Protein backbone atom coordinates (compact mmCIF):
# COMPACT_ATOMS: atom_id res chain seq x y z
CA UNK A 1 104.32 89.30 77.96
CA UNK A 2 107.80 88.63 79.32
CA UNK A 3 108.93 89.10 82.92
CA UNK A 4 110.86 92.25 81.96
CA UNK A 5 107.88 94.00 80.33
CA UNK A 6 106.74 96.98 82.37
CA UNK A 7 103.11 97.77 83.06
CA UNK A 8 101.44 100.63 84.87
CA UNK A 9 99.46 100.13 88.07
CA UNK A 10 97.10 102.84 89.23
CA UNK A 11 95.41 103.21 92.59
CA UNK A 12 93.48 105.86 94.45
CA UNK A 13 94.32 106.94 97.99
CA UNK A 14 93.20 109.86 100.14
CA UNK A 15 95.09 113.10 99.42
CA UNK A 16 96.58 113.07 102.93
CA UNK A 17 98.01 109.59 102.30
CA UNK A 18 99.58 110.72 99.01
CA UNK A 19 101.14 113.76 100.66
CA UNK A 20 102.59 111.60 103.44
CA UNK A 21 104.03 109.19 100.84
CA UNK A 22 105.40 112.10 98.81
CA UNK A 23 107.14 113.55 101.90
CA UNK A 24 108.59 110.17 102.87
CA UNK A 25 109.78 109.54 99.31
CA UNK A 26 111.48 112.96 99.30
CA UNK A 27 113.18 112.18 102.62
CA UNK A 28 114.55 108.98 101.08
CA UNK A 29 115.50 110.71 97.81
CA UNK A 30 113.14 108.43 95.89
CA UNK A 31 110.45 109.05 93.31
CA UNK A 32 106.91 108.40 94.46
CA UNK A 33 106.68 105.37 92.20
CA UNK A 34 109.95 103.97 93.53
CA UNK A 35 108.78 104.55 97.12
CA UNK A 36 105.41 102.83 96.63
CA UNK A 37 107.06 99.92 94.79
CA UNK A 38 109.60 99.50 97.63
CA UNK A 39 106.90 99.62 100.31
CA UNK A 40 104.76 97.05 98.50
CA UNK A 41 107.75 94.74 98.10
CA UNK A 42 108.64 95.20 101.77
CA UNK A 43 105.09 94.29 102.76
CA UNK A 44 105.08 91.24 100.50
CA UNK A 45 108.28 90.00 102.11
CA UNK A 46 106.86 90.49 105.59
CA UNK A 47 109.56 92.85 106.80
CA UNK A 48 109.18 94.21 110.30
CA UNK A 49 108.66 97.88 109.59
CA UNK A 50 109.58 99.60 112.83
CA UNK A 51 109.25 103.27 113.71
CA UNK A 52 112.54 104.80 112.60
CA UNK A 53 111.60 108.40 112.89
CA UNK A 54 109.14 108.69 110.02
CA UNK A 55 106.20 108.73 112.39
CA UNK A 56 104.22 106.04 110.60
CA UNK A 57 106.05 102.79 111.28
CA UNK A 58 107.97 102.77 107.98
CA UNK A 59 111.67 102.31 108.44
CA UNK A 60 113.37 105.17 106.58
CA UNK A 61 116.71 103.44 106.06
CA UNK A 62 116.56 99.65 106.38
CA UNK A 63 119.77 98.12 107.73
CA UNK A 64 120.31 96.00 104.59
CA UNK A 65 119.93 98.92 102.18
CA UNK A 66 122.85 99.69 99.94
CA UNK A 67 124.70 102.79 101.19
CA UNK A 68 123.75 105.88 99.23
CA UNK A 69 120.13 104.84 98.98
CA UNK A 70 120.21 103.26 95.53
CA UNK A 71 119.71 99.68 96.74
CA UNK A 72 121.34 98.31 93.58
CA UNK A 73 122.48 95.07 95.19
CA UNK A 74 118.99 94.51 96.60
CA UNK A 75 117.43 95.19 93.21
CA UNK A 76 119.79 92.70 91.52
CA UNK A 77 118.82 90.10 94.11
CA UNK A 78 115.12 90.87 93.53
CA UNK A 79 115.50 90.21 89.80
CA UNK A 80 117.36 86.96 90.47
CA UNK A 81 114.79 85.88 93.07
CA UNK A 82 112.04 86.31 90.49
CA UNK A 83 113.76 84.56 87.59
CA UNK A 84 116.51 82.42 89.22
CA UNK A 85 118.77 82.97 86.18
CA UNK A 86 119.14 86.32 84.47
CA UNK A 87 121.44 87.59 81.75
CA UNK A 88 122.95 91.05 81.54
CA UNK A 89 120.05 92.52 79.56
CA UNK A 90 117.43 91.18 82.00
CA UNK A 91 119.41 92.43 85.02
CA UNK A 92 119.88 95.83 83.40
CA UNK A 93 116.16 96.07 82.67
CA UNK A 94 115.36 95.00 86.23
CA UNK A 95 117.54 97.60 87.92
CA UNK A 96 116.70 100.49 85.60
CA UNK A 97 112.98 99.85 85.23
CA UNK A 98 112.04 102.98 87.14
CA UNK A 99 114.25 105.44 85.24
CA UNK A 100 111.61 106.04 82.55
CA UNK A 101 108.97 106.72 85.18
CA UNK A 102 111.32 109.00 87.13
CA UNK A 103 112.19 110.90 83.95
CA UNK A 104 108.50 111.27 83.10
CA UNK A 105 107.80 112.55 86.63
CA UNK A 106 110.67 115.05 86.39
CA UNK A 107 109.53 116.31 82.98
CA UNK A 108 105.96 116.74 84.24
CA UNK A 109 107.15 118.65 87.30
CA UNK A 110 109.47 120.91 85.26
CA UNK A 111 106.65 121.65 82.82
CA UNK A 112 104.24 122.40 85.68
CA UNK A 113 106.84 124.80 87.11
CA UNK A 114 107.10 126.39 83.65
CA UNK A 115 110.84 125.69 83.55
CA UNK A 116 110.72 123.58 80.37
CA UNK A 117 108.28 122.98 77.54
CA UNK A 118 107.90 120.57 74.67
CA UNK A 119 108.55 122.07 71.26
CA UNK A 120 107.03 120.07 68.42
CA UNK A 121 108.81 122.24 65.88
CA UNK A 122 112.18 121.53 67.48
CA UNK A 123 111.30 117.90 68.21
CA UNK A 124 111.99 117.87 71.95
CA UNK A 125 112.03 119.66 75.26
CA UNK A 126 113.57 123.11 75.71
CA UNK A 127 114.31 125.35 78.66
CA UNK A 128 111.84 128.20 79.00
CA UNK A 129 113.54 131.55 78.45
CA UNK A 130 113.16 133.44 81.72
CA UNK A 131 113.56 136.77 79.86
CA UNK A 132 110.26 136.45 77.96
């Protein structure tokens, strides 16, 4: 397995914890997976997580975050910290690793809201006709 291979990690937390994480992720315009990944990385680095208005000691907008919330520069540095030398393909994989998970989350939510559905006959997702 190479350093750019993605794997799934699953954990169980109380429902109240998940709802708090979901709300905080929404406030930061992040997916839940992106939020949990960022919080784990912050903890591993030993950041001081002060109370910045989220009510739980998690800083909502760290001072070194890239404006706009995407943190691209930080993510590039993370990839380089892990591998010391990285080519274009490895950097691209490192900064876009969550897009598949975010797309999957969005598709699941849209299907749960009955706004889209998968059509095997058509070979992909389609918008649900509201007139039916």
